[in-house]
Amino acid sequence: MGRGRAKAKQIKVARKLKYYSPETDLTALQRELGGQSAVSEYDGEDDYSAYADKYNDFDDDDDSEDAR
């Protein structure tokens, strides 16, 4: 017993979520989307050359063993 009230409340909440449409601030959305994005700041290349010399000694792979 008592399942009827819980089910009715769930249905009420589900309908409210389904049909509720808040007012959208389109100008704020346009500002957010039109702003400078992180993708435009990224030049596509990572500068790992500074780390290559520093950590080159830790490279355990021996290229001569791969050639066998």
PDB file of N, CA and C in Angstrom:
ATOM      1  N   MET A   1       0.840  -1.178   0.000  1.00  0.00           N
ATOM      2  CA  MET A   1       0.000   0.000   0.000  1.00  0.00           C
ATOM      3  C   MET A   1       0.885   1.240   0.000  1.00  0.00           C
ATOM      4  N   GLY A   2       0.311   2.327  -0.427  1.00  0.00           N
ATOM      5  CA  GLY A   2       1.048   3.576  -0.458  1.00  0.00           C
ATOM      6  C   GLY A   2       1.782   3.807  -1.771  1.00  0.00           C
ATOM      7  N   ARG A   3       1.748   2.809  -2.639  1.00  0.00           N
ATOM      8  CA  ARG A   3       2.452   2.938  -3.916  1.00  0.00           C
ATOM      9  C   ARG A   3       1.741   3.925  -4.840  1.00  0.00           C
ATOM     10  N   GLY A   4       0.470   4.094  -4.671  1.00  0.00           N
ATOM     11  CA  GLY A   4      -0.298   4.986  -5.545  1.00  0.00           C
ATOM     12  C   GLY A   4       0.138   6.431  -5.442  1.00  0.00           C
ATOM     13  N   ARG A   5       0.369   6.907  -4.231  1.00  0.00           N
ATOM     14  CA  ARG A   5       0.802   8.300  -4.054  1.00  0.00           C
ATOM     15  C   ARG A   5       2.196   8.530  -4.623  1.00  0.00           C
ATOM     16  N   ALA A   6       3.082   7.587  -4.385  1.00  0.00           N
ATOM     17  CA  ALA A   6       4.447   7.721  -4.896  1.00  0.00           C
ATOM     18  C   ALA A   6       4.457   7.718  -6.424  1.00  0.00           C
ATOM     19  N   LYS A   7       3.659   6.843  -7.010  1.00  0.00           N
ATOM     20  CA  LYS A   7       3.584   6.773  -8.466  1.00  0.00           C
ATOM     21  C   LYS A   7       2.978   8.055  -9.030  1.00  0.00           C
ATOM     22  N   ALA A   8       1.957   8.566  -8.400  1.00  0.00           N
ATOM     23  CA  ALA A   8       1.321   9.804  -8.859  1.00  0.00           C
ATOM     24  C   ALA A   8       2.310  10.966  -8.787  1.00  0.00           C
ATOM     25  N   LYS A   9       3.103  10.996  -7.733  1.00  0.00           N
ATOM     26  CA  LYS A   9       4.090  12.071  -7.596  1.00  0.00           C
ATOM     27  C   LYS A   9       5.160  11.941  -8.679  1.00  0.00           C
ATOM     28  N   GLN A  10       5.597  10.723  -8.961  1.00  0.00           N
ATOM     29  CA  GLN A  10       6.579  10.515 -10.007  1.00  0.00           C
ATOM     30  C   GLN A  10       6.043  10.957 -11.361  1.00  0.00           C
ATOM     31  N   ILE A  11       4.797  10.658 -11.629  1.00  0.00           N
ATOM     32  CA  ILE A  11       4.179  11.061 -12.897  1.00  0.00           C
ATOM     33  C   ILE A  11       4.087  12.578 -12.971  1.00  0.00           C
ATOM     34  N   LYS A  12       3.722  13.210 -11.858  1.00  0.00           N
ATOM     35  CA  LYS A  12       3.614  14.667 -11.816  1.00  0.00           C
ATOM     36  C   LYS A  12       4.973  15.316 -12.102  1.00  0.00           C
ATOM     37  N   VAL A  13       6.024  14.797 -11.468  1.00  0.00           N
ATOM     38  CA  VAL A  13       7.367  15.338 -11.678  1.00  0.00           C
ATOM     39  C   VAL A  13       7.814  15.098 -13.116  1.00  0.00           C
ATOM     40  N   ALA A  14       7.538  13.922 -13.653  1.00  0.00           N
ATOM     41  CA  ALA A  14       7.936  13.603 -15.020  1.00  0.00           C
ATOM     42  C   ALA A  14       7.248  14.530 -16.018  1.00  0.00           C
ATOM     43  N   ARG A  15       5.970  14.785 -15.820  1.00  0.00           N
ATOM     44  CA  ARG A  15       5.251  15.697 -16.723  1.00  0.00           C
ATOM     45  C   ARG A  15       5.793  17.115 -16.627  1.00  0.00           C
ATOM     46  N   LYS A  16       6.105  17.527 -15.398  1.00  0.00           N
ATOM     47  CA  LYS A  16       6.643  18.875 -15.203  1.00  0.00           C
ATOM     48  C   LYS A  16       7.973  19.024 -15.940  1.00  0.00           C
ATOM     49  N   LEU A  17       8.827  18.018 -15.829  1.00  0.00           N
ATOM     50  CA  LEU A  17      10.114  18.071 -16.523  1.00  0.00           C
ATOM     51  C   LEU A  17       9.945  18.004 -18.038  1.00  0.00           C
ATOM     52  N   LYS A  18       8.997  17.237 -18.491  1.00  0.00           N
ATOM     53  CA  LYS A  18       8.796  17.067 -19.930  1.00  0.00           C
ATOM     54  C   LYS A  18       8.273  18.336 -20.590  1.00  0.00           C
ATOM     55  N   TYR A  19       7.366  19.007 -19.938  1.00  0.00           N
ATOM     56  CA  TYR A  19       6.713  20.140 -20.572  1.00  0.00           C
ATOM     57  C   TYR A  19       7.231  21.496 -20.114  1.00  0.00           C
ATOM     58  N   TYR A  20       8.140  21.514 -19.162  1.00  0.00           N
ATOM     59  CA  TYR A  20       8.686  22.780 -18.680  1.00  0.00           C
ATOM     60  C   TYR A  20       9.745  23.263 -19.656  1.00  0.00           C
ATOM     61  N   SER A  21       9.611  24.495 -20.105  1.00  0.00           N
ATOM     62  CA  SER A  21      10.624  25.055 -20.994  1.00  0.00           C
ATOM     63  C   SER A  21      11.009  26.437 -20.459  1.00  0.00           C
ATOM     64  N   PRO A  22      12.152  26.532 -19.842  1.00  0.00           N
ATOM     65  CA  PRO A  22      12.574  27.818 -19.292  1.00  0.00           C
ATOM     66  C   PRO A  22      12.901  28.796 -20.413  1.00  0.00           C
ATOM     67  N   GLU A  23      12.817  30.068 -20.108  1.00  0.00           N
ATOM     68  CA  GLU A  23      13.166  31.071 -21.104  1.00  0.00           C
ATOM     69  C   GLU A  23      14.672  31.052 -21.318  1.00  0.00           C
ATOM     70  N   THR A  24      15.071  30.979 -22.556  1.00  0.00           N
ATOM     71  CA  THR A  24      16.478  30.904 -22.894  1.00  0.00           C
ATOM     72  C   THR A  24      16.988  32.294 -23.232  1.00  0.00           C
ATOM     73  N   ASP A  25      18.081  32.672 -22.616  1.00  0.00           N
ATOM     74  CA  ASP A  25      18.716  33.950 -22.913  1.00  0.00           C
ATOM     75  C   ASP A  25      19.631  33.750 -24.114  1.00  0.00           C
ATOM     76  N   LEU A  26      19.105  34.017 -25.290  1.00  0.00           N
ATOM     77  CA  LEU A  26      19.849  33.750 -26.518  1.00  0.00           C
ATOM     78  C   LEU A  26      21.053  34.667 -26.680  1.00  0.00           C
ATOM     79  N   THR A  27      20.975  35.882 -26.174  1.00  0.00           N
ATOM     80  CA  THR A  27      22.136  36.770 -26.294  1.00  0.00           C
ATOM     81  C   THR A  27      23.292  36.272 -25.433  1.00  0.00           C
ATOM     82  N   ALA A  28      22.994  35.758 -24.249  1.00  0.00           N
ATOM     83  CA  ALA A  28      24.043  35.201 -23.403  1.00  0.00           C
ATOM     84  C   ALA A  28      24.643  33.957 -24.049  1.00  0.00           C
ATOM     85  N   LEU A  29      23.804  33.151 -24.678  1.00  0.00           N
ATOM     86  CA  LEU A  29      24.285  31.962 -25.372  1.00  0.00           C
ATOM     87  C   LEU A  29      25.185  32.346 -26.540  1.00  0.00           C
ATOM     88  N   GLN A  30      24.784  33.374 -27.275  1.00  0.00           N
ATOM     89  CA  GLN A  30      25.587  33.833 -28.406  1.00  0.00           C
ATOM     90  C   GLN A  30      26.940  34.368 -27.934  1.00  0.00           C
ATOM     91  N   ARG A  31      26.947  35.094 -26.818  1.00  0.00           N
ATOM     92  CA  ARG A  31      28.207  35.594 -26.260  1.00  0.00           C
ATOM     93  C   ARG A  31      29.116  34.436 -25.861  1.00  0.00           C
ATOM     94  N   GLU A  32      28.514  33.428 -25.237  1.00  0.00           N
ATOM     95  CA  GLU A  32      29.306  32.294 -24.781  1.00  0.00           C
ATOM     96  C   GLU A  32      29.877  31.505 -25.952  1.00  0.00           C
ATOM     97  N   LEU A  33      29.067  31.279 -26.956  1.00  0.00           N
ATOM     98  CA  LEU A  33      29.536  30.512 -28.106  1.00  0.00           C
ATOM     99  C   LEU A  33      30.436  31.329 -29.021  1.00  0.00           C
ATOM    100  N   GLY A  34      30.229  32.617 -29.050  1.00  0.00           N
ATOM    101  CA  GLY A  34      31.021  33.463 -29.934  1.00  0.00           C
ATOM    102  C   GLY A  34      32.328  33.909 -29.329  1.00  0.00           C
ATOM    103  N   GLY A  35      32.537  33.613 -28.063  1.00  0.00           N
ATOM    104  CA  GLY A  35      33.770  33.999 -27.390  1.00  0.00           C
ATOM    105  C   GLY A  35      34.940  33.207 -27.920  1.00  0.00           C
ATOM    106  N   GLN A  36      36.119  33.595 -27.476  1.00  0.00           N
ATOM    107  CA  GLN A  36      37.310  32.903 -27.918  1.00  0.00           C
ATOM    108  C   GLN A  36      37.345  31.520 -27.289  1.00  0.00           C
ATOM    109  N   SER A  37      37.494  30.534 -28.124  1.00  0.00           N
ATOM    110  CA  SER A  37      37.473  29.165 -27.623  1.00  0.00           C
ATOM    111  C   SER A  37      38.881  28.659 -27.396  1.00  0.00           C
ATOM    112  N   ALA A  38      38.982  27.606 -26.645  1.00  0.00           N
ATOM    113  CA  ALA A  38      40.285  27.012 -26.342  1.00  0.00           C
ATOM    114  C   ALA A  38      40.890  26.376 -27.581  1.00  0.00           C
ATOM    115  N   VAL A  39      40.054  25.972 -28.530  1.00  0.00           N
ATOM    116  CA  VAL A  39      40.554  25.336 -29.746  1.00  0.00           C
ATOM    117  C   VAL A  39      41.345  26.332 -30.576  1.00  0.00           C
ATOM    118  N   SER A  40      40.901  27.585 -30.617  1.00  0.00           N
ATOM    119  CA  SER A  40      41.606  28.567 -31.432  1.00  0.00           C
ATOM    120  C   SER A  40      42.944  28.945 -30.813  1.00  0.00           C
ATOM    121  N   GLU A  41      43.102  28.769 -29.513  1.00  0.00           N
ATOM    122  CA  GLU A  41      44.366  29.081 -28.861  1.00  0.00           C
ATOM    123  C   GLU A  41      45.388  27.970 -29.066  1.00  0.00           C
ATOM    124  N   TYR A  42      44.951  26.790 -29.351  1.00  0.00           N
ATOM    125  CA  TYR A  42      45.837  25.642 -29.505  1.00  0.00           C
ATOM    126  C   TYR A  42      46.382  25.636 -30.922  1.00  0.00           C
ATOM    127  N   ASP A  43      47.707  25.630 -31.059  1.00  0.00           N
ATOM    128  CA  ASP A  43      48.304  25.688 -32.384  1.00  0.00           C
ATOM    129  C   ASP A  43      48.495  24.317 -33.015  1.00  0.00           C
ATOM    130  N   GLY A  44      48.188  23.252 -32.301  1.00  0.00           N
ATOM    131  CA  GLY A  44      48.253  21.926 -32.872  1.00  0.00           C
ATOM    132  C   GLY A  44      49.555  21.206 -32.596  1.00  0.00           C
ATOM    133  N   GLU A  45      50.530  21.868 -32.028  1.00  0.00           N
ATOM    134  CA  GLU A  45      51.812  21.232 -31.760  1.00  0.00           C
ATOM    135  C   GLU A  45      52.165  21.378 -30.288  1.00  0.00           C
ATOM    136  N   ASP A  46      52.617  20.306 -29.701  1.00  0.00           N
ATOM    137  CA  ASP A  46      53.081  20.343 -28.320  1.00  0.00           C
ATOM    138  C   ASP A  46      54.598  20.432 -28.330  1.00  0.00           C
ATOM    139  N   ASP A  47      55.140  21.257 -27.481  1.00  0.00           N
ATOM    140  CA  ASP A  47      56.583  21.428 -27.433  1.00  0.00           C
ATOM    141  C   ASP A  47      57.157  20.513 -26.360  1.00  0.00           C
ATOM    142  N   TYR A  48      57.504  19.303 -26.782  1.00  0.00           N
ATOM    143  CA  TYR A  48      58.098  18.339 -25.875  1.00  0.00           C
ATOM    144  C   TYR A  48      59.613  18.275 -26.027  1.00  0.00           C
ATOM    145  N   SER A  49      60.173  19.101 -26.887  1.00  0.00           N
ATOM    146  CA  SER A  49      61.609  19.052 -27.119  1.00  0.00           C
ATOM    147  C   SER A  49      62.395  19.390 -25.858  1.00  0.00           C
ATOM    148  N   ALA A  50      61.842  20.234 -25.002  1.00  0.00           N
ATOM    149  CA  ALA A  50      62.525  20.575 -23.761  1.00  0.00           C
ATOM    150  C   ALA A  50      62.624  19.362 -22.847  1.00  0.00           C
ATOM    151  N   TYR A  51      61.657  18.471 -22.910  1.00  0.00           N
ATOM    152  CA  TYR A  51      61.663  17.277 -22.076  1.00  0.00           C
ATOM    153  C   TYR A  51      62.447  16.138 -22.714  1.00  0.00           C
ATOM    154  N   ALA A  52      62.610  16.174 -24.019  1.00  0.00           N
ATOM    155  CA  ALA A  52      63.281  15.080 -24.709  1.00  0.00           C
ATOM    156  C   ALA A  52      64.713  14.919 -24.227  1.00  0.00           C
ATOM    157  N   ASP A  53      65.453  16.010 -24.129  1.00  0.00           N
ATOM    158  CA  ASP A  53      66.835  15.917 -23.687  1.00  0.00           C
ATOM    159  C   ASP A  53      66.915  15.574 -22.202  1.00  0.00           C
ATOM    160  N   LYS A  54      66.011  16.130 -21.426  1.00  0.00           N
ATOM    161  CA  LYS A  54      66.046  15.937 -19.982  1.00  0.00           C
ATOM    162  C   LYS A  54      65.790  14.478 -19.592  1.00  0.00           C
ATOM    163  N   TYR A  55      64.840  13.834 -20.275  1.00  0.00           N
ATOM    164  CA  TYR A  55      64.440  12.484 -19.903  1.00  0.00           C
ATOM    165  C   TYR A  55      64.910  11.428 -20.902  1.00  0.00           C
ATOM    166  N   ASN A  56      65.827  11.764 -21.763  1.00  0.00           N
ATOM    167  CA  ASN A  56      66.313  10.833 -22.768  1.00  0.00           C
ATOM    168  C   ASN A  56      67.052   9.662 -22.124  1.00  0.00           C
ATOM    169  N   ASP A  57      67.688   9.885 -20.998  1.00  0.00           N
ATOM    170  CA  ASP A  57      68.434   8.825 -20.327  1.00  0.00           C
ATOM    171  C   ASP A  57      67.518   7.753 -19.743  1.00  0.00           C
ATOM    172  N   PHE A  58      66.264   8.057 -19.539  1.00  0.00           N
ATOM    173  CA  PHE A  58      65.331   7.107 -18.943  1.00  0.00           C
ATOM    174  C   PHE A  58      64.680   6.192 -19.972  1.00  0.00           C
ATOM    175  N   ASP A  59      65.041   6.355 -21.213  1.00  0.00           N
ATOM    176  CA  ASP A  59      64.459   5.542 -22.277  1.00  0.00           C
ATOM    177  C   ASP A  59      65.049   4.138 -22.190  1.00  0.00           C
ATOM    178  N   ASP A  60      64.220   3.158 -21.830  1.00  0.00           N
ATOM    179  CA  ASP A  60      64.693   1.790 -21.662  1.00  0.00           C
ATOM    180  C   ASP A  60      64.699   1.008 -22.965  1.00  0.00           C
ATOM    181  N   ASP A  61      64.015   1.513 -23.969  1.00  0.00           N
ATOM    182  CA  ASP A  61      63.954   0.796 -25.235  1.00  0.00           C
ATOM    183  C   ASP A  61      65.295   0.876 -25.928  1.00  0.00           C
ATOM    184  N   ASP A  62      65.816  -0.276 -26.275  1.00  0.00           N
ATOM    185  CA  ASP A  62      67.083  -0.316 -27.004  1.00  0.00           C
ATOM    186  C   ASP A  62      66.762  -0.626 -28.451  1.00  0.00           C
ATOM    187  N   ASP A  63      67.042   0.308 -29.326  1.00  0.00           N
ATOM    188  CA  ASP A  63      66.690   0.151 -30.728  1.00  0.00           C
ATOM    189  C   ASP A  63      67.447  -1.008 -31.367  1.00  0.00           C
ATOM    190  N   SER A  64      68.631  -1.330 -30.878  1.00  0.00           N
ATOM    191  CA  SER A  64      69.394  -2.419 -31.471  1.00  0.00           C
ATOM    192  C   SER A  64      68.719  -3.763 -31.236  1.00  0.00           C
ATOM    193  N   GLU A  65      68.016  -3.925 -30.140  1.00  0.00           N
ATOM    194  CA  GLU A  65      67.305  -5.172 -29.872  1.00  0.00           C
ATOM    195  C   GLU A  65      66.111  -5.340 -30.786  1.00  0.00           C
ATOM    196  N   ASP A  66      65.503  -4.243 -31.207  1.00  0.00           N
ATOM    197  CA  ASP A  66      64.351  -4.326 -32.101  1.00  0.00           C
ATOM    198  C   ASP A  66      64.757  -4.751 -33.489  1.00  0.00           C
ATOM    199  N   ALA A  67      65.978  -4.498 -33.861  1.00  0.00           N
ATOM    200  CA  ALA A  67      66.444  -4.790 -35.205  1.00  0.00           C
ATOM    201  C   ALA A  67      66.686  -6.295 -35.408  1.00  0.00           C
ATOM    202  N   ARG A  68      66.811  -7.074 -34.341  1.00  0.00           N
ATOM    203  CA  ARG A  68      67.094  -8.519 -34.469  1.00  0.00           C
ATOM    204  C   ARG A  68      65.967  -9.281 -35.059  1.00  0.00           C
TER     205      ARG A  68
END
